[in-house]
């Protein structure tokens, strides 16, 4: 497992699973740091990116984070990889539903079992 200031990363086969340290991903500084740390763990060689973002410890997110997730999805789609989100609270799932992002992102309910199903 790799640990940075804002995220933990573990590997399941060729899938990177990211878990957030912060309960609130609200302010721009935190969101920018999280985005930079996630970007730093991604391959830059054109290989497919397989990533799971585990929101189990997150209570609140900002629209700024949503925009970073959209950019991340675009990069992963361009690599012909997969992005899954899991471990979301009802409040966070509601944000995705309200903004119709639940139709764009693959969201697994409950515990982070996503790596085995990629």
N, C-alpha and C. Protein backbone atom coordinates (compact mmCIF):
# COMPACT_ATOMS: atom_id res chain seq x y z
N UNK A 1 0.85 -1.18 0.00
CA UNK A 1 0.00 0.00 0.00
C UNK A 1 0.89 1.24 0.00
N UNK A 2 0.50 2.20 -0.80
CA UNK A 2 1.19 3.48 -0.86
C UNK A 2 0.34 4.52 -0.14
N UNK A 3 0.95 5.32 0.71
CA UNK A 3 0.23 6.34 1.43
C UNK A 3 0.82 7.70 1.10
N UNK A 4 -0.05 8.65 0.80
CA UNK A 4 0.37 10.03 0.61
C UNK A 4 -0.39 10.88 1.61
N UNK A 5 -0.23 12.16 1.51
CA UNK A 5 -0.83 13.09 2.44
C UNK A 5 -2.36 13.02 2.46
N UNK A 6 -2.98 12.84 1.30
CA UNK A 6 -4.44 12.87 1.20
C UNK A 6 -5.09 11.56 0.83
N UNK A 7 -4.32 10.59 0.31
CA UNK A 7 -4.92 9.34 -0.15
C UNK A 7 -4.06 8.14 0.25
N UNK A 8 -4.71 6.97 0.30
CA UNK A 8 -4.02 5.68 0.40
C UNK A 8 -4.28 4.97 -0.93
N UNK A 9 -3.28 4.26 -1.41
CA UNK A 9 -3.42 3.51 -2.65
C UNK A 9 -3.01 2.07 -2.38
N UNK A 10 -3.89 1.15 -2.71
CA UNK A 10 -3.51 -0.25 -2.68
C UNK A 10 -3.75 -0.83 -4.06
N UNK A 11 -3.12 -1.94 -4.33
CA UNK A 11 -3.18 -2.55 -5.65
C UNK A 11 -3.81 -3.92 -5.54
N UNK A 12 -4.78 -4.17 -6.40
CA UNK A 12 -5.41 -5.48 -6.50
C UNK A 12 -5.25 -5.87 -7.97
N UNK A 13 -4.31 -6.79 -8.22
CA UNK A 13 -3.92 -7.13 -9.58
C UNK A 13 -3.43 -5.87 -10.28
N UNK A 14 -4.04 -5.49 -11.40
CA UNK A 14 -3.61 -4.28 -12.09
C UNK A 14 -4.53 -3.09 -11.81
N UNK A 15 -5.33 -3.22 -10.76
CA UNK A 15 -6.28 -2.16 -10.40
C UNK A 15 -5.75 -1.39 -9.20
N UNK A 16 -5.73 -0.07 -9.32
CA UNK A 16 -5.36 0.79 -8.19
C UNK A 16 -6.63 1.17 -7.45
N UNK A 17 -6.63 1.00 -6.14
CA UNK A 17 -7.78 1.37 -5.31
C UNK A 17 -7.34 2.53 -4.43
N UNK A 18 -8.04 3.66 -4.58
CA UNK A 18 -7.71 4.89 -3.85
C UNK A 18 -8.74 5.09 -2.76
N UNK A 19 -8.24 5.33 -1.56
CA UNK A 19 -9.11 5.66 -0.42
C UNK A 19 -8.68 7.01 0.11
N UNK A 20 -9.64 7.87 0.37
CA UNK A 20 -9.36 9.25 0.78
C UNK A 20 -9.17 9.35 2.28
N UNK A 21 -8.25 10.20 2.73
CA UNK A 21 -8.03 10.44 4.16
C UNK A 21 -9.04 11.45 4.71
N UNK A 22 -9.44 12.42 3.89
CA UNK A 22 -10.29 13.52 4.36
C UNK A 22 -11.77 13.14 4.38
N UNK A 23 -12.45 13.52 5.44
CA UNK A 23 -13.91 13.33 5.51
C UNK A 23 -14.64 14.33 4.63
N UNK A 24 -14.02 15.49 4.45
CA UNK A 24 -14.64 16.56 3.66
C UNK A 24 -13.70 16.94 2.52
N UNK A 25 -14.18 16.75 1.32
CA UNK A 25 -13.42 17.15 0.13
C UNK A 25 -14.13 18.38 -0.44
N UNK A 26 -13.96 19.48 0.29
CA UNK A 26 -14.74 20.68 -0.02
C UNK A 26 -13.90 21.84 -0.54
N UNK A 27 -12.85 22.21 0.17
CA UNK A 27 -12.13 23.42 -0.22
C UNK A 27 -11.23 23.14 -1.42
N UNK A 28 -10.96 24.17 -2.19
CA UNK A 28 -10.20 24.04 -3.44
C UNK A 28 -8.80 23.49 -3.21
N UNK A 29 -8.16 23.89 -2.13
CA UNK A 29 -6.80 23.42 -1.85
C UNK A 29 -6.78 21.91 -1.66
N UNK A 30 -7.70 21.39 -0.86
CA UNK A 30 -7.78 19.95 -0.61
C UNK A 30 -8.07 19.19 -1.91
N UNK A 31 -9.04 19.68 -2.67
CA UNK A 31 -9.41 19.02 -3.92
C UNK A 31 -8.24 19.00 -4.89
N UNK A 32 -7.53 20.11 -4.99
CA UNK A 32 -6.38 20.19 -5.88
C UNK A 32 -5.29 19.21 -5.45
N UNK A 33 -5.02 19.12 -4.15
CA UNK A 33 -4.01 18.18 -3.65
C UNK A 33 -4.41 16.73 -3.93
N UNK A 34 -5.68 16.41 -3.71
CA UNK A 34 -6.18 15.06 -3.99
C UNK A 34 -6.02 14.75 -5.47
N UNK A 35 -6.42 15.68 -6.32
CA UNK A 35 -6.32 15.46 -7.77
C UNK A 35 -4.87 15.25 -8.20
N UNK A 36 -3.96 16.04 -7.66
CA UNK A 36 -2.54 15.90 -8.00
C UNK A 36 -2.00 14.55 -7.55
N UNK A 37 -2.39 14.11 -6.36
CA UNK A 37 -1.90 12.84 -5.85
C UNK A 37 -2.46 11.66 -6.64
N UNK A 38 -3.70 11.75 -7.06
CA UNK A 38 -4.27 10.68 -7.89
C UNK A 38 -3.57 10.67 -9.25
N UNK A 39 -3.38 11.82 -9.84
CA UNK A 39 -2.70 11.91 -11.13
C UNK A 39 -1.29 11.33 -11.05
N UNK A 40 -0.62 11.56 -9.93
CA UNK A 40 0.76 11.09 -9.77
C UNK A 40 0.86 9.56 -9.76
N UNK A 41 -0.20 8.85 -9.38
CA UNK A 41 -0.13 7.39 -9.32
C UNK A 41 -0.54 6.73 -10.64
N UNK A 42 -1.04 7.52 -11.58
CA UNK A 42 -1.51 6.96 -12.84
C UNK A 42 -0.37 6.80 -13.83
N UNK A 43 -0.39 5.72 -14.61
CA UNK A 43 0.65 5.54 -15.62
C UNK A 43 0.53 6.61 -16.70
N UNK A 44 1.68 6.97 -17.26
CA UNK A 44 1.69 7.99 -18.30
C UNK A 44 2.26 7.42 -19.60
N UNK A 45 2.14 6.10 -19.74
CA UNK A 45 2.72 5.44 -20.91
C UNK A 45 1.69 5.01 -21.94
N UNK A 46 0.44 5.45 -21.75
CA UNK A 46 -0.62 5.09 -22.70
C UNK A 46 -1.31 3.78 -22.40
N UNK A 47 -0.86 3.08 -21.36
CA UNK A 47 -1.50 1.82 -21.00
C UNK A 47 -2.86 2.08 -20.36
N UNK A 48 -3.77 1.10 -20.44
CA UNK A 48 -5.09 1.29 -19.83
C UNK A 48 -4.98 1.52 -18.33
N UNK A 49 -5.76 2.47 -17.85
CA UNK A 49 -5.79 2.81 -16.43
C UNK A 49 -7.02 2.15 -15.81
N UNK A 50 -6.81 1.38 -14.76
CA UNK A 50 -7.91 0.75 -14.03
C UNK A 50 -7.86 1.29 -12.60
N UNK A 51 -8.92 2.01 -12.23
CA UNK A 51 -8.91 2.74 -10.97
C UNK A 51 -10.25 2.61 -10.27
N UNK A 52 -10.19 2.42 -8.96
CA UNK A 52 -11.37 2.44 -8.10
C UNK A 52 -11.17 3.54 -7.08
N UNK A 53 -12.16 4.41 -6.95
CA UNK A 53 -12.14 5.45 -5.93
C UNK A 53 -13.12 5.05 -4.84
N UNK A 54 -12.61 4.84 -3.65
CA UNK A 54 -13.40 4.38 -2.51
C UNK A 54 -13.73 5.58 -1.62
N UNK A 55 -15.00 5.93 -1.57
CA UNK A 55 -15.48 7.09 -0.81
C UNK A 55 -15.98 6.70 0.59
N UNK A 56 -15.60 5.54 1.09
CA UNK A 56 -16.11 5.05 2.38
C UNK A 56 -15.92 6.02 3.53
N UNK A 57 -14.80 6.74 3.55
CA UNK A 57 -14.51 7.64 4.66
C UNK A 57 -14.87 9.09 4.38
N UNK A 58 -15.53 9.35 3.25
CA UNK A 58 -15.85 10.72 2.85
C UNK A 58 -17.31 11.03 3.17
N UNK A 59 -17.53 12.18 3.81
CA UNK A 59 -18.89 12.59 4.17
C UNK A 59 -19.44 13.66 3.22
N UNK A 60 -18.57 14.57 2.76
CA UNK A 60 -19.02 15.68 1.91
C UNK A 60 -18.04 15.91 0.77
N UNK A 61 -18.60 16.28 -0.40
CA UNK A 61 -17.76 16.61 -1.54
C UNK A 61 -18.24 17.92 -2.15
N UNK A 62 -17.36 18.55 -2.91
CA UNK A 62 -17.69 19.83 -3.55
C UNK A 62 -17.88 19.64 -5.05
N UNK A 63 -18.43 20.65 -5.68
CA UNK A 63 -18.57 20.64 -7.13
C UNK A 63 -17.19 20.68 -7.80
N UNK A 64 -16.22 21.25 -7.12
CA UNK A 64 -14.86 21.27 -7.63
C UNK A 64 -14.32 19.85 -7.76
N UNK A 65 -14.62 19.00 -6.81
CA UNK A 65 -14.20 17.61 -6.89
C UNK A 65 -14.91 16.92 -8.06
N UNK A 66 -16.17 17.22 -8.25
CA UNK A 66 -16.91 16.61 -9.36
C UNK A 66 -16.25 16.96 -10.70
N UNK A 67 -15.81 18.19 -10.84
CA UNK A 67 -15.16 18.57 -12.10
C UNK A 67 -13.83 17.83 -12.27
N UNK A 68 -13.09 17.62 -11.18
CA UNK A 68 -11.84 16.86 -11.25
C UNK A 68 -12.14 15.40 -11.61
N UNK A 69 -13.23 14.85 -11.10
CA UNK A 69 -13.60 13.48 -11.44
C UNK A 69 -13.97 13.34 -12.91
N UNK A 70 -14.62 14.36 -13.45
CA UNK A 70 -14.95 14.34 -14.88
C UNK A 70 -13.68 14.35 -15.74
N UNK A 71 -12.70 15.16 -15.36
CA UNK A 71 -11.43 15.19 -16.09
C UNK A 71 -10.71 13.84 -15.96
N UNK A 72 -10.74 13.26 -14.78
CA UNK A 72 -10.12 11.96 -14.55
C UNK A 72 -10.79 10.89 -15.42
N UNK A 73 -12.11 10.91 -15.47
CA UNK A 73 -12.85 9.95 -16.29
C UNK A 73 -12.48 10.09 -17.75
N UNK A 74 -12.35 11.30 -18.22
CA UNK A 74 -11.98 11.54 -19.61
C UNK A 74 -10.60 10.92 -19.91
N UNK A 75 -9.66 11.12 -18.99
CA UNK A 75 -8.31 10.56 -19.18
C UNK A 75 -8.35 9.03 -19.18
N UNK A 76 -9.11 8.46 -18.26
CA UNK A 76 -9.19 7.00 -18.16
C UNK A 76 -9.89 6.42 -19.38
N UNK A 77 -10.96 7.06 -19.83
CA UNK A 77 -11.65 6.60 -21.04
C UNK A 77 -10.71 6.64 -22.26
N UNK A 78 -9.90 7.68 -22.34
CA UNK A 78 -8.95 7.81 -23.46
C UNK A 78 -7.91 6.69 -23.43
N UNK A 79 -7.62 6.16 -22.24
CA UNK A 79 -6.64 5.08 -22.12
C UNK A 79 -7.29 3.71 -22.32
N UNK A 80 -8.62 3.69 -22.56
CA UNK A 80 -9.40 2.46 -22.68
C UNK A 80 -9.38 1.66 -21.38
N UNK A 81 -9.36 2.39 -20.27
CA UNK A 81 -9.36 1.79 -18.95
C UNK A 81 -10.74 1.83 -18.32
N UNK A 82 -10.76 1.64 -17.01
CA UNK A 82 -12.02 1.64 -16.27
C UNK A 82 -11.89 2.47 -14.99
N UNK A 83 -12.97 3.13 -14.65
CA UNK A 83 -13.05 3.90 -13.41
C UNK A 83 -14.33 3.47 -12.70
N UNK A 84 -14.18 3.08 -11.44
CA UNK A 84 -15.34 2.73 -10.63
C UNK A 84 -15.30 3.56 -9.36
N UNK A 85 -16.46 3.92 -8.88
CA UNK A 85 -16.61 4.63 -7.62
C UNK A 85 -17.36 3.70 -6.68
N UNK A 86 -16.98 3.69 -5.41
CA UNK A 86 -17.67 2.82 -4.46
C UNK A 86 -17.64 3.43 -3.07
N UNK A 87 -18.40 2.81 -2.16
CA UNK A 87 -18.40 3.20 -0.76
C UNK A 87 -19.02 4.55 -0.48
N UNK A 88 -19.92 4.99 -1.35
CA UNK A 88 -20.52 6.32 -1.18
C UNK A 88 -21.64 6.31 -0.15
N UNK A 89 -21.67 7.37 0.65
CA UNK A 89 -22.78 7.56 1.58
C UNK A 89 -24.02 7.95 0.76
N UNK A 90 -25.17 7.91 1.40
CA UNK A 90 -26.40 8.33 0.73
C UNK A 90 -26.31 9.78 0.27
N UNK A 91 -25.68 10.63 1.08
CA UNK A 91 -25.56 12.05 0.72
C UNK A 91 -24.72 12.24 -0.55
N UNK A 92 -23.62 11.52 -0.63
CA UNK A 92 -22.77 11.66 -1.81
C UNK A 92 -23.45 11.06 -3.04
N UNK A 93 -24.10 9.92 -2.87
CA UNK A 93 -24.85 9.34 -4.00
C UNK A 93 -25.92 10.30 -4.47
N UNK A 94 -26.53 11.01 -3.54
CA UNK A 94 -27.56 11.99 -3.90
C UNK A 94 -26.99 13.12 -4.75
N UNK A 95 -25.77 13.57 -4.43
CA UNK A 95 -25.12 14.60 -5.23
C UNK A 95 -24.93 14.11 -6.67
N UNK A 96 -24.49 12.88 -6.81
CA UNK A 96 -24.29 12.31 -8.15
C UNK A 96 -25.61 12.15 -8.89
N UNK A 97 -26.66 11.73 -8.17
CA UNK A 97 -27.98 11.57 -8.79
C UNK A 97 -28.54 12.92 -9.23
N UNK A 98 -28.45 13.92 -8.36
CA UNK A 98 -29.00 15.24 -8.64
C UNK A 98 -28.33 15.86 -9.86
N UNK A 99 -27.04 15.64 -10.01
CA UNK A 99 -26.30 16.22 -11.14
C UNK A 99 -26.27 15.28 -12.36
N UNK A 100 -26.99 14.17 -12.28
CA UNK A 100 -27.04 13.16 -13.33
C UNK A 100 -25.69 12.51 -13.61
N UNK A 101 -24.74 12.67 -12.73
CA UNK A 101 -23.44 12.04 -12.91
C UNK A 101 -23.49 10.55 -12.61
N UNK A 102 -24.55 10.10 -11.95
CA UNK A 102 -24.69 8.67 -11.71
C UNK A 102 -24.89 7.91 -13.01
N UNK A 103 -25.27 8.61 -14.07
CA UNK A 103 -25.42 7.98 -15.38
C UNK A 103 -24.09 7.91 -16.13
N UNK A 104 -23.16 8.75 -15.74
CA UNK A 104 -21.87 8.82 -16.42
C UNK A 104 -20.82 7.93 -15.75
N UNK A 105 -20.87 7.87 -14.42
CA UNK A 105 -19.89 7.09 -13.66
C UNK A 105 -20.47 5.74 -13.29
N UNK A 106 -19.60 4.75 -13.22
CA UNK A 106 -20.00 3.44 -12.74
C UNK A 106 -19.83 3.43 -11.23
N UNK A 107 -20.96 3.36 -10.52
CA UNK A 107 -20.97 3.46 -9.06
C UNK A 107 -21.44 2.14 -8.48
N UNK A 108 -20.58 1.56 -7.65
CA UNK A 108 -20.92 0.31 -6.96
C UNK A 108 -21.49 0.65 -5.60
N UNK A 109 -22.53 -0.02 -5.23
CA UNK A 109 -23.13 0.20 -3.92
C UNK A 109 -22.34 -0.55 -2.86
N UNK A 110 -22.42 -0.05 -1.65
CA UNK A 110 -21.85 -0.77 -0.52
C UNK A 110 -20.34 -0.77 -0.46
N UNK A 111 -19.81 -1.87 0.05
CA UNK A 111 -18.38 -2.01 0.30
C UNK A 111 -17.59 -2.04 -0.99
N UNK A 112 -16.34 -1.66 -0.92
CA UNK A 112 -15.50 -1.62 -2.12
C UNK A 112 -15.10 -3.00 -2.63
N UNK A 113 -16.01 -3.62 -3.36
CA UNK A 113 -15.72 -4.91 -3.98
C UNK A 113 -15.44 -4.73 -5.47
N UNK A 114 -15.28 -3.50 -5.88
CA UNK A 114 -15.17 -3.19 -7.29
C UNK A 114 -13.98 -3.84 -8.02
N UNK A 115 -12.81 -3.97 -7.43
CA UNK A 115 -11.69 -4.50 -8.22
C UNK A 115 -11.97 -5.86 -8.85
N UNK A 116 -12.62 -6.74 -8.15
CA UNK A 116 -12.86 -8.07 -8.69
C UNK A 116 -13.86 -8.06 -9.84
N UNK A 117 -14.63 -6.98 -9.96
CA UNK A 117 -15.66 -6.94 -10.99
C UNK A 117 -15.29 -6.06 -12.17
N UNK A 118 -14.05 -5.58 -12.22
CA UNK A 118 -13.64 -4.74 -13.36
C UNK A 118 -13.39 -5.60 -14.55
